[in-house]
Amino acid sequence: FGSGYIANIGVIQALVSRDDVVFSDKLNHASIVDGIALSRAEH
């Protein structure tokens, strides 16, 4: 992928959507947080 930020956003969006849930550590990198938001899965 083009960068770590791009990879995390792309992977999370590709794997989950509105009917799904992502369990994320509170201190995870911002790219993970943004990927979850863009996926529209429950965070």
All heavy atoms as atom14 arrays in JSON, in Angstrom:
{
  "sequence": "FGSGYIANIGVIQALVSRDDVVFSDKLNHASIVDGIALSRAEH",
  "atom14_mask": [
    [1, 1, 1, 1, 1, 1, 1, 1, 1, 1, 1, 0, 0, 0],
    [1, 1, 1, 1, 0, 0, 0, 0, 0, 0, 0, 0, 0, 0],
    [1, 1, 1, 1, 1, 1, 0, 0, 0, 0, 0, 0, 0, 0],
    [1, 1, 1, 1, 0, 0, 0, 0, 0, 0, 0, 0, 0, 0],
    [1, 1, 1, 1, 1, 1, 1, 1, 1, 1, 1, 1, 0, 0],
    [1, 1, 1, 1, 1, 1, 1, 1, 0, 0, 0, 0, 0, 0],
    [1, 1, 1, 1, 1, 0, 0, 0, 0, 0, 0, 0, 0, 0],
    [1, 1, 1, 1, 1, 1, 1, 1, 0, 0, 0, 0, 0, 0],
    [1, 1, 1, 1, 1, 1, 1, 1, 0, 0, 0, 0, 0, 0],
    [1, 1, 1, 1, 0, 0, 0, 0, 0, 0, 0, 0, 0, 0],
    [1, 1, 1, 1, 1, 1, 1, 0, 0, 0, 0, 0, 0, 0],
    [1, 1, 1, 1, 1, 1, 1, 1, 0, 0, 0, 0, 0, 0],
    [1, 1, 1, 1, 1, 1, 1, 1, 1, 0, 0, 0, 0, 0],
    [1, 1, 1, 1, 1, 0, 0, 0, 0, 0, 0, 0, 0, 0],
    [1, 1, 1, 1, 1, 1, 1, 1, 0, 0, 0, 0, 0, 0],
    [1, 1, 1, 1, 1, 1, 1, 0, 0, 0, 0, 0, 0, 0],
    [1, 1, 1, 1, 1, 1, 0, 0, 0, 0, 0, 0, 0, 0],
    [1, 1, 1, 1, 1, 1, 1, 1, 1, 1, 1, 0, 0, 0],
    [1, 1, 1, 1, 1, 1, 1, 1, 0, 0, 0, 0, 0, 0],
    [1, 1, 1, 1, 1, 1, 1, 1, 0, 0, 0, 0, 0, 0],
    [1, 1, 1, 1, 1, 1, 1, 0, 0, 0, 0, 0, 0, 0],
    [1, 1, 1, 1, 1, 1, 1, 0, 0, 0, 0, 0, 0, 0],
    [1, 1, 1, 1, 1, 1, 1, 1, 1, 1, 1, 0, 0, 0],
    [1, 1, 1, 1, 1, 1, 0, 0, 0, 0, 0, 0, 0, 0],
    [1, 1, 1, 1, 1, 1, 1, 1, 0, 0, 0, 0, 0, 0],
    [1, 1, 1, 1, 1, 1, 1, 1, 1, 0, 0, 0, 0, 0],
    [1, 1, 1, 1, 1, 1, 1, 1, 0, 0, 0, 0, 0, 0],
    [1, 1, 1, 1, 1, 1, 1, 1, 0, 0, 0, 0, 0, 0],
    [1, 1, 1, 1, 1, 1, 1, 1, 1, 1, 0, 0, 0, 0],
    [1, 1, 1, 1, 1, 0, 0, 0, 0, 0, 0, 0, 0, 0],
    [1, 1, 1, 1, 1, 1, 0, 0, 0, 0, 0, 0, 0, 0],
    [1, 1, 1, 1, 1, 1, 1, 1, 0, 0, 0, 0, 0, 0],
    [1, 1, 1, 1, 1, 1, 1, 0, 0, 0, 0, 0, 0, 0],
    [1, 1, 1, 1, 1, 1, 1, 1, 0, 0, 0, 0, 0, 0],
    [1, 1, 1, 1, 0, 0, 0, 0, 0, 0, 0, 0, 0, 0],
    [1, 1, 1, 1, 1, 1, 1, 1, 0, 0, 0, 0, 0, 0],
    [1, 1, 1, 1, 1, 0, 0, 0, 0, 0, 0, 0, 0, 0],
    [1, 1, 1, 1, 1, 1, 1, 1, 0, 0, 0, 0, 0, 0],
    [1, 1, 1, 1, 1, 1, 0, 0, 0, 0, 0, 0, 0, 0],
    [1, 1, 1, 1, 1, 1, 1, 1, 1, 1, 1, 0, 0, 0],
    [1, 1, 1, 1, 1, 0, 0, 0, 0, 0, 0, 0, 0, 0],
    [1, 1, 1, 1, 1, 1, 1, 1, 1, 0, 0, 0, 0, 0],
    [1, 1, 1, 1, 1, 1, 1, 1, 1, 1, 0, 0, 0, 0]
  ],
  "atom14_positions": [
    [[0.85, -1.19, 0.0], [0.0, 0.0, 0.0], [0.88, 1.25, 0.0], [2.07, 1.18, 0.29], [-0.91, 0.03, 1.23], [-2.09, -0.9, 1.15], [-1.95, -2.25, 1.41], [-3.34, -0.42, 0.81], [-3.04, -3.11, 1.35], [-4.45, -1.27, 0.75], [-4.29, -2.61, 1.01], [0.0, 0.0, 0.0], [0.0, 0.0, 0.0], [0.0, 0.0, 0.0]],
    [[0.25, 2.39, -0.26], [1.0, 3.64, -0.36], [1.56, 4.15, 0.94], [2.57, 4.84, 0.96], [0.0, 0.0, 0.0], [0.0, 0.0, 0.0], [0.0, 0.0, 0.0], [0.0, 0.0, 0.0], [0.0, 0.0, 0.0], [0.0, 0.0, 0.0], [0.0, 0.0, 0.0], [0.0, 0.0, 0.0], [0.0, 0.0, 0.0], [0.0, 0.0, 0.0]],
    [[0.91, 3.86, 2.07], [1.39, 4.28, 3.39], [0.67, 3.47, 4.45], [-0.33, 2.79, 4.16], [1.13, 5.78, 3.63], [-0.25, 6.02, 3.82], [0.0, 0.0, 0.0], [0.0, 0.0, 0.0], [0.0, 0.0, 0.0], [0.0, 0.0, 0.0], [0.0, 0.0, 0.0], [0.0, 0.0, 0.0], [0.0, 0.0, 0.0], [0.0, 0.0, 0.0]],
    [[1.15, 3.56, 5.68], [0.48, 2.87, 6.77], [-0.92, 3.39, 7.01], [-1.84, 2.62, 7.29], [0.0, 0.0, 0.0], [0.0, 0.0, 0.0], [0.0, 0.0, 0.0], [0.0, 0.0, 0.0], [0.0, 0.0, 0.0], [0.0, 0.0, 0.0], [0.0, 0.0, 0.0], [0.0, 0.0, 0.0], [0.0, 0.0, 0.0], [0.0, 0.0, 0.0]],
    [[-1.09, 4.69, 6.9], [-2.41, 5.29, 7.07], [-3.37, 4.75, 6.02], [-4.5, 4.34, 6.33], [-2.29, 6.81, 6.96], [-3.48, 7.58, 7.46], [-3.47, 8.15, 8.74], [-4.61, 7.74, 6.68], [-4.57, 8.87, 9.2], [-5.7, 8.45, 7.13], [-5.68, 9.01, 8.39], [-6.77, 9.71, 8.85], [0.0, 0.0, 0.0], [0.0, 0.0, 0.0]],
    [[-2.92, 4.74, 4.77], [-3.75, 4.24, 3.67], [-4.08, 2.76, 3.88], [-5.21, 2.31, 3.63], [-3.04, 4.47, 2.33], [-3.11, 5.95, 1.97], [-3.62, 3.61, 1.22], [-2.28, 6.31, 0.74], [0.0, 0.0, 0.0], [0.0, 0.0, 0.0], [0.0, 0.0, 0.0], [0.0, 0.0, 0.0], [0.0, 0.0, 0.0], [0.0, 0.0, 0.0]],
    [[-3.09, 1.98, 4.31], [-3.31, 0.55, 4.5], [-4.37, 0.29, 5.56], [-5.3, -0.51, 5.36], [-2.0, -0.14, 4.88], [0.0, 0.0, 0.0], [0.0, 0.0, 0.0], [0.0, 0.0, 0.0], [0.0, 0.0, 0.0], [0.0, 0.0, 0.0], [0.0, 0.0, 0.0], [0.0, 0.0, 0.0], [0.0, 0.0, 0.0], [0.0, 0.0, 0.0]],
    [[-4.26, 0.96, 6.71], [-5.24, 0.71, 7.77], [-6.64, 1.14, 7.37], [-7.62, 0.42, 7.64], [-4.8, 1.44, 9.05], [-3.76, 0.66, 9.83], [-3.65, -0.56, 9.7], [-2.99, 1.36, 10.64], [0.0, 0.0, 0.0], [0.0, 0.0, 0.0], [0.0, 0.0, 0.0], [0.0, 0.0, 0.0], [0.0, 0.0, 0.0], [0.0, 0.0, 0.0]],
    [[-6.76, 2.28, 6.72], [-8.07, 2.71, 6.26], [-8.64, 1.72, 5.24], [-9.8, 1.31, 5.32], [-7.99, 4.13, 5.65], [-7.79, 5.17, 6.75], [-9.25, 4.45, 4.85], [-7.61, 6.57, 6.24], [0.0, 0.0, 0.0], [0.0, 0.0, 0.0], [0.0, 0.0, 0.0], [0.0, 0.0, 0.0], [0.0, 0.0, 0.0], [0.0, 0.0, 0.0]],
    [[-7.81, 1.32, 4.28], [-8.27, 0.43, 3.23], [-8.66, -0.94, 3.72], [-9.7, -1.49, 3.31], [0.0, 0.0, 0.0], [0.0, 0.0, 0.0], [0.0, 0.0, 0.0], [0.0, 0.0, 0.0], [0.0, 0.0, 0.0], [0.0, 0.0, 0.0], [0.0, 0.0, 0.0], [0.0, 0.0, 0.0], [0.0, 0.0, 0.0], [0.0, 0.0, 0.0]],
    [[-7.86, -1.51, 4.61], [-8.12, -2.87, 5.09], [-9.4, -2.9, 5.93], [-10.28, -3.75, 5.74], [-6.93, -3.4, 5.9], [-7.29, -4.7, 6.6], [-5.73, -3.61, 4.98], [0.0, 0.0, 0.0], [0.0, 0.0, 0.0], [0.0, 0.0, 0.0], [0.0, 0.0, 0.0], [0.0, 0.0, 0.0], [0.0, 0.0, 0.0], [0.0, 0.0, 0.0]],
    [[-9.52, -1.97, 6.87], [-10.67, -1.98, 7.77], [-11.97, -1.76, 6.99], [-12.98, -2.45, 7.2], [-10.49, -0.95, 8.9], [-9.33, -1.38, 9.81], [-11.78, -0.8, 9.71], [-8.91, -0.34, 10.81], [0.0, 0.0, 0.0], [0.0, 0.0, 0.0], [0.0, 0.0, 0.0], [0.0, 0.0, 0.0], [0.0, 0.0, 0.0], [0.0, 0.0, 0.0]],
    [[-11.95, -0.79, 6.06], [-13.13, -0.55, 5.23], [-13.51, -1.78, 4.4], [-14.7, -2.03, 4.16], [-12.88, 0.61, 4.28], [-13.02, 1.98, 4.89], [-12.86, 3.05, 3.83], [-11.79, 3.21, 3.27], [-13.93, 3.77, 3.57], [0.0, 0.0, 0.0], [0.0, 0.0, 0.0], [0.0, 0.0, 0.0], [0.0, 0.0, 0.0], [0.0, 0.0, 0.0]],
    [[-12.5, -2.52, 3.96], [-12.77, -3.69, 3.12], [-13.34, -4.86, 3.92], [-14.04, -5.71, 3.36], [-11.5, -4.13, 2.39], [0.0, 0.0, 0.0], [0.0, 0.0, 0.0], [0.0, 0.0, 0.0], [0.0, 0.0, 0.0], [0.0, 0.0, 0.0], [0.0, 0.0, 0.0], [0.0, 0.0, 0.0], [0.0, 0.0, 0.0], [0.0, 0.0, 0.0]],
    [[-13.05, -4.92, 5.21], [-13.42, -6.1, 6.01], [-14.75, -5.96, 6.75], [-15.41, -6.96, 7.01], [-12.32, -6.4, 7.03], [-10.96, -6.84, 6.46], [-9.97, -7.03, 7.6], [-11.1, -8.13, 5.66], [0.0, 0.0, 0.0], [0.0, 0.0, 0.0], [0.0, 0.0, 0.0], [0.0, 0.0, 0.0], [0.0, 0.0, 0.0], [0.0, 0.0, 0.0]],
    [[-15.12, -4.73, 7.11], [-16.33, -4.56, 7.93], [-17.15, -3.4, 7.39], [-16.64, -2.51, 6.71], [-15.97, -4.3, 9.41], [-15.38, -5.54, 10.06], [-15.02, -3.11, 9.54], [0.0, 0.0, 0.0], [0.0, 0.0, 0.0], [0.0, 0.0, 0.0], [0.0, 0.0, 0.0], [0.0, 0.0, 0.0], [0.0, 0.0, 0.0], [0.0, 0.0, 0.0]],
    [[-18.44, -3.4, 7.76], [-19.35, -2.32, 7.35], [-20.43, -2.15, 8.42], [-20.23, -2.52, 9.58], [-19.94, -2.62, 5.97], [-20.65, -3.85, 6.0], [0.0, 0.0, 0.0], [0.0, 0.0, 0.0], [0.0, 0.0, 0.0], [0.0, 0.0, 0.0], [0.0, 0.0, 0.0], [0.0, 0.0, 0.0], [0.0, 0.0, 0.0], [0.0, 0.0, 0.0]],
    [[-21.59, -1.61, 8.03], [-22.62, -1.19, 8.98], [-23.06, -2.28, 9.96], [-23.37, -2.0, 11.11], [-23.85, -0.7, 8.22], [-23.67, 0.62, 7.5], [-24.98, 1.02, 6.83], [-24.83, 2.2, 6.0], [-24.91, 3.44, 6.45], [-25.14, 3.66, 7.73], [-24.78, 4.46, 5.62], [0.0, 0.0, 0.0], [0.0, 0.0, 0.0], [0.0, 0.0, 0.0]],
    [[-23.14, -3.52, 9.53], [-23.68, -4.58, 10.38], [-22.63, -5.25, 11.25], [-22.92, -6.26, 11.9], [-24.34, -5.65, 9.5], [-25.51, -5.09, 8.7], [-26.25, -4.25, 9.26], [-25.67, -5.47, 7.53], [0.0, 0.0, 0.0], [0.0, 0.0, 0.0], [0.0, 0.0, 0.0], [0.0, 0.0, 0.0], [0.0, 0.0, 0.0], [0.0, 0.0, 0.0]],
    [[-21.42, -4.68, 11.28], [-20.3, -5.34, 11.95], [-19.79, -4.5, 13.11], [-20.25, -3.38, 13.36], [-19.18, -5.59, 10.93], [-19.7, -6.32, 9.69], [-20.48, -7.27, 9.86], [-19.32, -5.91, 8.57], [0.0, 0.0, 0.0], [0.0, 0.0, 0.0], [0.0, 0.0, 0.0], [0.0, 0.0, 0.0], [0.0, 0.0, 0.0], [0.0, 0.0, 0.0]],
    [[-18.79, -5.02, 13.81], [-18.22, -4.31, 14.95], [-16.71, -4.5, 14.95], [-16.2, -5.57, 14.6], [-18.83, -4.82, 16.29], [-18.6, -6.31, 16.48], [-18.27, -4.03, 17.48], [0.0, 0.0, 0.0], [0.0, 0.0, 0.0], [0.0, 0.0, 0.0], [0.0, 0.0, 0.0], [0.0, 0.0, 0.0], [0.0, 0.0, 0.0], [0.0, 0.0, 0.0]],
    [[-16.01, -3.41, 15.32], [-14.56, -3.45, 15.45], [-14.2, -3.17, 16.9], [-14.65, -2.17, 17.47], [-13.87, -2.42, 14.53], [-12.35, -2.54, 14.66], [-14.3, -2.61, 13.09], [0.0, 0.0, 0.0], [0.0, 0.0, 0.0], [0.0, 0.0, 0.0], [0.0, 0.0, 0.0], [0.0, 0.0, 0.0], [0.0, 0.0, 0.0], [0.0, 0.0, 0.0]],
    [[-13.38, -4.03, 17.48], [-12.89, -3.88, 18.85], [-11.48, -3.32, 18.75], [-10.58, -3.96, 18.22], [-12.9, -5.21, 19.57], [-14.25, -5.88, 19.59], [-14.61, -6.76, 18.57], [-15.17, -5.61, 20.59], [-15.85, -7.37, 18.56], [-16.42, -6.21, 20.58], [-16.77, -7.09, 19.57], [0.0, 0.0, 0.0], [0.0, 0.0, 0.0], [0.0, 0.0, 0.0]],
    [[-11.29, -2.12, 19.26], [-10.04, -1.4, 19.06], [-9.5, -0.87, 20.38], [-10.23, -0.27, 21.17], [-10.28, -0.23, 18.09], [-9.14, 0.58, 17.96], [0.0, 0.0, 0.0], [0.0, 0.0, 0.0], [0.0, 0.0, 0.0], [0.0, 0.0, 0.0], [0.0, 0.0, 0.0], [0.0, 0.0, 0.0], [0.0, 0.0, 0.0], [0.0, 0.0, 0.0]],
    [[-8.2, -1.09, 20.61], [-7.55, -0.55, 21.81], [-7.66, 0.97, 21.82], [-7.52, 1.63, 20.79], [-6.07, -0.97, 21.82], [-5.4, -0.67, 23.15], [-5.17, 0.53, 23.45], [-5.07, -1.61, 23.89], [0.0, 0.0, 0.0], [0.0, 0.0, 0.0], [0.0, 0.0, 0.0], [0.0, 0.0, 0.0], [0.0, 0.0, 0.0], [0.0, 0.0, 0.0]],
    [[-7.91, 1.53, 22.99], [-8.11, 2.97, 23.11], [-6.91, 3.78, 22.64], [-7.06, 4.94, 22.23], [-8.44, 3.32, 24.57], [-8.91, 4.75, 24.78], [-9.33, 4.99, 26.21], [-9.84, 6.42, 26.4], [-10.27, 6.66, 27.8], [0.0, 0.0, 0.0], [0.0, 0.0, 0.0], [0.0, 0.0, 0.0], [0.0, 0.0, 0.0], [0.0, 0.0, 0.0]],
    [[-5.72, 3.2, 22.67], [-4.51, 3.93, 22.27], [-4.03, 3.56, 20.87], [-2.9, 3.89, 20.5], [-3.39, 3.7, 23.29], [-3.66, 4.22, 24.71], [-2.4, 4.1, 25.56], [-4.15, 5.66, 24.71], [0.0, 0.0, 0.0], [0.0, 0.0, 0.0], [0.0, 0.0, 0.0], [0.0, 0.0, 0.0], [0.0, 0.0, 0.0], [0.0, 0.0, 0.0]],
    [[-4.87, 2.88, 20.09], [-4.48, 2.57, 18.72], [-4.22, 3.85, 17.91], [-4.77, 4.92, 18.2], [-5.59, 1.76, 18.02], [-5.47, 0.28, 18.28], [-4.43, -0.22, 18.68], [-6.56, -0.44, 18.06], [0.0, 0.0, 0.0], [0.0, 0.0, 0.0], [0.0, 0.0, 0.0], [0.0, 0.0, 0.0], [0.0, 0.0, 0.0], [0.0, 0.0, 0.0]],
    [[-3.44, 3.69, 16.86], [-3.08, 4.81, 16.01], [-4.31, 5.45, 15.37], [-5.31, 4.79, 15.12], [-2.1, 4.34, 14.92], [-1.47, 5.45, 14.16], [-1.96, 5.89, 12.95], [-0.39, 6.22, 14.44], [-1.2, 6.89, 12.51], [-0.24, 7.1, 13.39], [0.0, 0.0, 0.0], [0.0, 0.0, 0.0], [0.0, 0.0, 0.0], [0.0, 0.0, 0.0]],
    [[-4.19, 6.73, 15.06], [-5.31, 7.49, 14.48], [-5.78, 6.88, 13.16], [-6.97, 6.97, 12.82], [-4.89, 8.94, 14.24], [0.0, 0.0, 0.0], [0.0, 0.0, 0.0], [0.0, 0.0, 0.0], [0.0, 0.0, 0.0], [0.0, 0.0, 0.0], [0.0, 0.0, 0.0], [0.0, 0.0, 0.0], [0.0, 0.0, 0.0], [0.0, 0.0, 0.0]],
    [[-4.89, 6.25, 12.4], [-5.3, 5.66, 11.13], [-6.28, 4.51, 11.34], [-7.17, 4.29, 10.51], [-4.07, 5.16, 10.36], [-3.33, 4.22, 11.12], [0.0, 0.0, 0.0], [0.0, 0.0, 0.0], [0.0, 0.0, 0.0], [0.0, 0.0, 0.0], [0.0, 0.0, 0.0], [0.0, 0.0, 0.0], [0.0, 0.0, 0.0], [0.0, 0.0, 0.0]],
    [[-6.13, 3.79, 12.45], [-7.08, 2.72, 12.77], [-8.43, 3.33, 13.16], [-9.49, 2.88, 12.69], [-6.53, 1.84, 13.91], [-5.28, 1.09, 13.43], [-7.59, 0.87, 14.42], [-4.56, 0.33, 14.52], [0.0, 0.0, 0.0], [0.0, 0.0, 0.0], [0.0, 0.0, 0.0], [0.0, 0.0, 0.0], [0.0, 0.0, 0.0], [0.0, 0.0, 0.0]],
    [[-8.39, 4.36, 13.98], [-9.63, 5.03, 14.39], [-10.38, 5.57, 13.17], [-11.6, 5.4, 13.04], [-9.31, 6.17, 15.37], [-10.57, 6.95, 15.74], [-8.63, 5.63, 16.64], [0.0, 0.0, 0.0], [0.0, 0.0, 0.0], [0.0, 0.0, 0.0], [0.0, 0.0, 0.0], [0.0, 0.0, 0.0], [0.0, 0.0, 0.0], [0.0, 0.0, 0.0]],
    [[-9.64, 6.2, 12.26], [-10.28, 6.77, 11.07], [-10.8, 5.68, 10.14], [-11.86, 5.83, 9.51], [-9.29, 7.67, 10.32], [-8.97, 8.94, 11.09], [-9.59, 9.16, 12.16], [-8.11, 9.7, 10.65], [0.0, 0.0, 0.0], [0.0, 0.0, 0.0], [0.0, 0.0, 0.0], [0.0, 0.0, 0.0], [0.0, 0.0, 0.0], [0.0, 0.0, 0.0]],
    [[-10.07, 4.57, 10.04], [-10.54, 3.46, 9.22], [-11.85, 2.89, 9.73], [-12.75, 2.55, 8.94], [0.0, 0.0, 0.0], [0.0, 0.0, 0.0], [0.0, 0.0, 0.0], [0.0, 0.0, 0.0], [0.0, 0.0, 0.0], [0.0, 0.0, 0.0], [0.0, 0.0, 0.0], [0.0, 0.0, 0.0], [0.0, 0.0, 0.0], [0.0, 0.0, 0.0]],
    [[-11.98, 2.8, 11.05], [-13.23, 2.3, 11.64], [-14.37, 3.27, 11.34], [-15.48, 2.86, 10.97], [-13.06, 2.09, 13.15], [-11.99, 1.02, 13.42], [-14.39, 1.67, 13.79], [-11.56, 0.94, 14.87], [0.0, 0.0, 0.0], [0.0, 0.0, 0.0], [0.0, 0.0, 0.0], [0.0, 0.0, 0.0], [0.0, 0.0, 0.0], [0.0, 0.0, 0.0]],
    [[-14.11, 4.56, 11.49], [-15.16, 5.56, 11.25], [-15.63, 5.5, 9.79], [-16.84, 5.54, 9.51], [-14.64, 6.96, 11.57], [0.0, 0.0, 0.0], [0.0, 0.0, 0.0], [0.0, 0.0, 0.0], [0.0, 0.0, 0.0], [0.0, 0.0, 0.0], [0.0, 0.0, 0.0], [0.0, 0.0, 0.0], [0.0, 0.0, 0.0], [0.0, 0.0, 0.0]],
    [[-14.7, 5.38, 8.87], [-15.05, 5.34, 7.46], [-15.76, 4.04, 7.06], [-16.55, 4.01, 6.12], [-13.8, 5.53, 6.6], [-13.21, 6.95, 6.63], [-11.83, 6.96, 5.98], [-14.14, 7.93, 5.93], [0.0, 0.0, 0.0], [0.0, 0.0, 0.0], [0.0, 0.0, 0.0], [0.0, 0.0, 0.0], [0.0, 0.0, 0.0], [0.0, 0.0, 0.0]],
    [[-15.49, 2.97, 7.81], [-16.14, 1.68, 7.51], [-17.62, 1.69, 7.88], [-18.39, 0.87, 7.39], [-15.45, 0.55, 8.26], [-15.8, 0.55, 9.64], [0.0, 0.0, 0.0], [0.0, 0.0, 0.0], [0.0, 0.0, 0.0], [0.0, 0.0, 0.0], [0.0, 0.0, 0.0], [0.0, 0.0, 0.0], [0.0, 0.0, 0.0], [0.0, 0.0, 0.0]],
    [[-18.0, 2.58, 8.82], [-19.36, 2.68, 9.37], [-19.74, 1.48, 10.25], [-20.9, 1.32, 10.62], [-20.4, 2.88, 8.26], [-20.15, 4.12, 7.43], [-21.2, 4.34, 6.37], [-20.89, 5.52, 5.57], [-21.64, 5.96, 4.56], [-22.73, 5.29, 4.23], [-21.28, 7.02, 3.87], [0.0, 0.0, 0.0], [0.0, 0.0, 0.0], [0.0, 0.0, 0.0]],
    [[-18.74, 0.66, 10.58], [-18.99, -0.4, 11.56], [-19.09, 0.21, 12.95], [-18.62, 1.33, 13.2], [-17.87, -1.43, 11.51], [0.0, 0.0, 0.0], [0.0, 0.0, 0.0], [0.0, 0.0, 0.0], [0.0, 0.0, 0.0], [0.0, 0.0, 0.0], [0.0, 0.0, 0.0], [0.0, 0.0, 0.0], [0.0, 0.0, 0.0], [0.0, 0.0, 0.0]],
    [[-19.67, -0.52, 13.87], [-19.71, -0.06, 15.26], [-18.31, -0.12, 15.84], [-17.57, -1.08, 15.64], [-20.67, -0.92, 16.07], [-20.86, -0.41, 17.49], [-22.01, -1.09, 18.22], [-22.78, -1.82, 17.57], [-22.12, -0.89, 19.45], [0.0, 0.0, 0.0], [0.0, 0.0, 0.0], [0.0, 0.0, 0.0], [0.0, 0.0, 0.0], [0.0, 0.0, 0.0]],
    [[-17.95, 0.92, 16.58], [-16.61, 1.02, 17.15], [-16.7, 0.74, 18.65], [-17.22, 1.55, 19.41], [-16.05, 2.43, 16.91], [-14.61, 2.58, 17.3], [-13.91, 3.75, 17.11], [-13.73, 1.72, 17.87], [-12.68, 3.61, 17.55], [-12.55, 2.38, 18.02], [0.0, 0.0, 0.0], [0.0, 0.0, 0.0], [0.0, 0.0, 0.0], [0.0, 0.0, 0.0]]
  ]
}
